Amino acid sequence: MQENKPLDESRKTAQTSGTKMAPRVSVCGYNIPHPSEARVNIRVQTTGDPAKGVLKDSCQDLMMICQHVRSTFDQVVADFKNNNGFESD
């Protein structure tokens, strides 16, 4: 399977950025051991809560953000098509 490296990097950056914004996180980072490996090492240092739970919560928050962005995008595209005489799909 061929990966889109820039999109992969964006997704990983979004994940670590979302985790950093969590008030329970003091340090968060990631590295990619080797570009040919489909693996990412994520390091989360928390203010006391278990890192696994904080990371899980951050992933769920990121999924909700992505769903919001997608639904907003779809609505704007539909509005544009309706206002400019394009047929809906």
N, C-alpha and C. Protein backbone atom coordinates (compact mmCIF):
# COMPACT_ATOMS: atom_id res chain seq x y z
N MET A 1 0.83 -1.17 0.00
CA MET A 1 0.00 0.00 0.00
C MET A 1 0.88 1.24 0.00
N GLN A 2 0.61 2.15 -0.91
CA GLN A 2 1.41 3.36 -1.00
C GLN A 2 0.76 4.46 -0.17
N GLU A 3 1.56 5.16 0.62
CA GLU A 3 1.05 6.20 1.50
C GLU A 3 1.27 7.56 0.90
N ASN A 4 0.41 8.48 1.24
CA ASN A 4 0.60 9.87 0.88
C ASN A 4 1.35 10.52 2.04
N LYS A 5 2.65 10.67 1.91
CA LYS A 5 3.48 11.13 3.03
C LYS A 5 3.09 12.49 3.59
N PRO A 6 2.84 13.53 2.74
CA PRO A 6 2.45 14.82 3.33
C PRO A 6 1.16 14.74 4.12
N LEU A 7 0.16 13.99 3.64
CA LEU A 7 -1.08 13.85 4.39
C LEU A 7 -0.85 13.08 5.68
N ASP A 8 -0.03 12.05 5.62
CA ASP A 8 0.30 11.30 6.83
C ASP A 8 0.94 12.21 7.87
N GLU A 9 1.88 13.03 7.43
CA GLU A 9 2.54 13.96 8.36
C GLU A 9 1.54 14.93 8.96
N SER A 10 0.61 15.42 8.15
CA SER A 10 -0.40 16.36 8.64
C SER A 10 -1.28 15.70 9.70
N ARG A 11 -1.66 14.46 9.44
CA ARG A 11 -2.50 13.73 10.40
C ARG A 11 -1.77 13.54 11.72
N LYS A 12 -0.50 13.16 11.65
CA LYS A 12 0.28 12.94 12.86
C LYS A 12 0.48 14.24 13.62
N THR A 13 0.73 15.32 12.89
CA THR A 13 0.91 16.62 13.53
C THR A 13 -0.39 17.06 14.18
N ALA A 14 -1.51 16.85 13.51
CA ALA A 14 -2.81 17.21 14.09
C ALA A 14 -3.05 16.43 15.37
N GLN A 15 -2.70 15.17 15.37
CA GLN A 15 -2.91 14.35 16.56
C GLN A 15 -2.09 14.87 17.73
N THR A 16 -0.80 15.13 17.50
CA THR A 16 0.03 15.59 18.61
C THR A 16 -0.36 16.99 19.02
N SER A 17 -0.79 17.83 18.09
CA SER A 17 -1.24 19.18 18.44
C SER A 17 -2.50 19.12 19.29
N GLY A 18 -3.42 18.23 18.91
CA GLY A 18 -4.64 18.07 19.70
C GLY A 18 -4.34 17.56 21.09
N THR A 19 -3.37 16.69 21.21
CA THR A 19 -3.00 16.16 22.51
C THR A 19 -2.33 17.25 23.35
N LYS A 20 -1.52 18.10 22.72
CA LYS A 20 -0.85 19.16 23.46
C LYS A 20 -1.84 20.17 24.04
N MET A 21 -2.98 20.34 23.37
CA MET A 21 -3.96 21.30 23.83
C MET A 21 -4.72 20.80 25.05
N ALA A 22 -4.65 19.52 25.32
CA ALA A 22 -5.35 18.95 26.46
C ALA A 22 -4.71 19.47 27.75
N PRO A 23 -5.54 19.93 28.69
CA PRO A 23 -4.96 20.48 29.92
C PRO A 23 -4.23 19.45 30.77
N ARG A 24 -4.46 18.17 30.50
CA ARG A 24 -3.79 17.11 31.28
C ARG A 24 -2.43 16.72 30.72
N VAL A 25 -1.99 17.40 29.63
CA VAL A 25 -0.74 17.05 28.96
C VAL A 25 0.30 18.12 29.22
N SER A 26 1.49 17.68 29.63
CA SER A 26 2.59 18.64 29.80
C SER A 26 3.56 18.58 28.62
N VAL A 27 3.78 17.40 28.04
CA VAL A 27 4.66 17.24 26.89
C VAL A 27 4.07 16.19 25.96
N CYS A 28 4.15 16.46 24.67
CA CYS A 28 3.70 15.49 23.68
C CYS A 28 4.57 15.64 22.44
N GLY A 29 4.95 14.52 21.85
CA GLY A 29 5.75 14.55 20.64
C GLY A 29 5.68 13.22 19.93
N TYR A 30 6.22 13.20 18.73
CA TYR A 30 6.24 11.95 17.97
C TYR A 30 7.49 11.91 17.12
N ASN A 31 7.86 10.71 16.73
CA ASN A 31 8.90 10.54 15.71
C ASN A 31 8.56 9.33 14.86
N ILE A 32 9.15 9.32 13.68
CA ILE A 32 8.96 8.21 12.75
C ILE A 32 10.31 7.51 12.66
N PRO A 33 10.39 6.26 13.14
CA PRO A 33 11.68 5.57 13.17
C PRO A 33 12.36 5.49 11.80
N HIS A 34 11.57 5.18 10.77
CA HIS A 34 12.12 5.08 9.42
C HIS A 34 10.98 5.29 8.44
N PRO A 35 11.21 6.06 7.37
CA PRO A 35 10.12 6.34 6.42
C PRO A 35 9.48 5.11 5.78
N SER A 36 10.22 4.03 5.69
CA SER A 36 9.66 2.84 5.05
C SER A 36 8.80 2.01 6.02
N GLU A 37 8.82 2.35 7.31
CA GLU A 37 8.02 1.64 8.29
C GLU A 37 6.69 2.36 8.51
N ALA A 38 5.61 1.61 8.60
CA ALA A 38 4.30 2.18 8.90
C ALA A 38 4.13 2.24 10.42
N ARG A 39 5.01 3.01 11.07
CA ARG A 39 5.01 3.07 12.53
C ARG A 39 5.33 4.49 12.98
N VAL A 40 4.67 4.91 14.04
CA VAL A 40 4.92 6.22 14.64
C VAL A 40 5.06 6.01 16.14
N ASN A 41 6.07 6.59 16.72
CA ASN A 41 6.23 6.56 18.17
C ASN A 41 5.66 7.86 18.73
N ILE A 42 4.70 7.75 19.64
CA ILE A 42 4.10 8.93 20.27
C ILE A 42 4.47 8.91 21.75
N ARG A 43 4.94 10.07 22.22
CA ARG A 43 5.31 10.19 23.63
C ARG A 43 4.39 11.22 24.25
N VAL A 44 3.71 10.83 25.31
CA VAL A 44 2.80 11.73 26.03
C VAL A 44 3.20 11.73 27.49
N GLN A 45 3.48 12.93 28.00
CA GLN A 45 3.76 13.08 29.43
C GLN A 45 2.61 13.90 30.01
N THR A 46 1.96 13.34 31.00
CA THR A 46 0.77 13.99 31.54
C THR A 46 1.06 14.65 32.89
N THR A 47 0.05 15.35 33.36
CA THR A 47 0.17 16.01 34.66
C THR A 47 -0.21 15.07 35.80
N GLY A 48 -0.46 13.81 35.50
CA GLY A 48 -0.78 12.83 36.53
C GLY A 48 -1.74 11.76 36.07
N ASP A 49 -2.59 12.08 35.09
CA ASP A 49 -3.53 11.09 34.56
C ASP A 49 -2.77 10.07 33.71
N PRO A 50 -3.31 8.84 33.59
CA PRO A 50 -2.66 7.84 32.74
C PRO A 50 -2.59 8.31 31.28
N ALA A 51 -1.42 8.18 30.68
CA ALA A 51 -1.20 8.66 29.31
C ALA A 51 -2.11 7.96 28.31
N LYS A 52 -2.39 6.69 28.53
CA LYS A 52 -3.24 5.94 27.60
C LYS A 52 -4.63 6.58 27.51
N GLY A 53 -5.19 6.95 28.65
CA GLY A 53 -6.52 7.57 28.67
C GLY A 53 -6.51 8.95 28.03
N VAL A 54 -5.46 9.72 28.30
CA VAL A 54 -5.34 11.06 27.72
C VAL A 54 -5.22 10.96 26.21
N LEU A 55 -4.41 10.03 25.72
CA LEU A 55 -4.24 9.85 24.28
C LEU A 55 -5.56 9.40 23.64
N LYS A 56 -6.27 8.49 24.28
CA LYS A 56 -7.56 8.03 23.76
C LYS A 56 -8.54 9.19 23.68
N ASP A 57 -8.62 10.01 24.72
CA ASP A 57 -9.52 11.16 24.72
C ASP A 57 -9.14 12.14 23.61
N SER A 58 -7.85 12.34 23.41
CA SER A 58 -7.38 13.25 22.36
C SER A 58 -7.74 12.73 20.98
N CYS A 59 -7.64 11.42 20.79
CA CYS A 59 -8.02 10.81 19.50
C CYS A 59 -9.52 11.01 19.25
N GLN A 60 -10.32 10.84 20.28
CA GLN A 60 -11.76 11.03 20.13
C GLN A 60 -12.07 12.50 19.82
N ASP A 61 -11.38 13.44 20.48
CA ASP A 61 -11.56 14.86 20.19
C ASP A 61 -11.19 15.16 18.75
N LEU A 62 -10.08 14.59 18.29
CA LEU A 62 -9.63 14.81 16.91
C LEU A 62 -10.66 14.27 15.92
N MET A 63 -11.24 13.10 16.20
CA MET A 63 -12.27 12.54 15.31
C MET A 63 -13.48 13.47 15.25
N MET A 64 -13.87 14.05 16.38
CA MET A 64 -15.01 14.97 16.38
C MET A 64 -14.70 16.24 15.58
N ILE A 65 -13.48 16.73 15.71
CA ILE A 65 -13.07 17.91 14.94
C ILE A 65 -13.11 17.60 13.45
N CYS A 66 -12.59 16.44 13.07
CA CYS A 66 -12.60 16.04 11.65
C CYS A 66 -14.03 15.89 11.13
N GLN A 67 -14.92 15.32 11.93
CA GLN A 67 -16.31 15.18 11.52
C GLN A 67 -16.96 16.56 11.33
N HIS A 68 -16.67 17.48 12.21
CA HIS A 68 -17.21 18.84 12.10
C HIS A 68 -16.70 19.53 10.83
N VAL A 69 -15.40 19.42 10.59
CA VAL A 69 -14.82 20.03 9.39
C VAL A 69 -15.45 19.43 8.15
N ARG A 70 -15.60 18.12 8.12
CA ARG A 70 -16.19 17.44 6.95
C ARG A 70 -17.63 17.87 6.72
N SER A 71 -18.43 17.90 7.78
CA SER A 71 -19.84 18.27 7.61
C SER A 71 -19.97 19.74 7.22
N THR A 72 -19.12 20.62 7.76
CA THR A 72 -19.13 22.02 7.38
C THR A 72 -18.74 22.17 5.91
N PHE A 73 -17.72 21.47 5.49
CA PHE A 73 -17.28 21.50 4.09
C PHE A 73 -18.40 21.02 3.16
N ASP A 74 -19.00 19.89 3.50
CA ASP A 74 -20.08 19.34 2.66
C ASP A 74 -21.24 20.32 2.55
N GLN A 75 -21.58 21.00 3.65
CA GLN A 75 -22.68 21.96 3.63
C GLN A 75 -22.34 23.17 2.76
N VAL A 76 -21.13 23.66 2.85
CA VAL A 76 -20.72 24.81 2.04
C VAL A 76 -20.71 24.43 0.56
N VAL A 77 -20.25 23.26 0.22
CA VAL A 77 -20.25 22.82 -1.18
C VAL A 77 -21.68 22.70 -1.69
N ALA A 78 -22.57 22.11 -0.88
CA ALA A 78 -23.97 21.98 -1.28
C ALA A 78 -24.61 23.36 -1.47
N ASP A 79 -24.34 24.28 -0.56
CA ASP A 79 -24.88 25.65 -0.69
C ASP A 79 -24.36 26.32 -1.96
N PHE A 80 -23.09 26.15 -2.22
CA PHE A 80 -22.50 26.75 -3.43
C PHE A 80 -23.16 26.20 -4.68
N LYS A 81 -23.34 24.88 -4.73
CA LYS A 81 -23.97 24.25 -5.90
C LYS A 81 -25.40 24.75 -6.07
N ASN A 82 -26.14 24.84 -4.98
CA ASN A 82 -27.53 25.30 -5.04
C ASN A 82 -27.62 26.76 -5.50
N ASN A 83 -26.71 27.59 -5.02
CA ASN A 83 -26.75 29.02 -5.34
C ASN A 83 -26.19 29.35 -6.72
N ASN A 84 -25.49 28.41 -7.34
CA ASN A 84 -24.85 28.68 -8.62
C ASN A 84 -25.37 27.79 -9.74
N GLY A 85 -26.50 27.13 -9.53
CA GLY A 85 -27.14 26.37 -10.59
C GLY A 85 -26.52 25.03 -10.91
N PHE A 86 -25.71 24.49 -10.03
CA PHE A 86 -25.14 23.17 -10.26
C PHE A 86 -26.12 22.12 -9.75
N GLU A 87 -26.10 20.96 -10.39
CA GLU A 87 -26.95 19.87 -9.94
C GLU A 87 -26.31 19.20 -8.73
N SER A 88 -27.13 18.80 -7.76
CA SER A 88 -26.62 18.08 -6.59
C SER A 88 -26.31 16.66 -6.96
N ASP A 89 -25.32 16.06 -6.28
CA ASP A 89 -24.94 14.67 -6.54
C ASP A 89 -25.88 13.71 -5.88
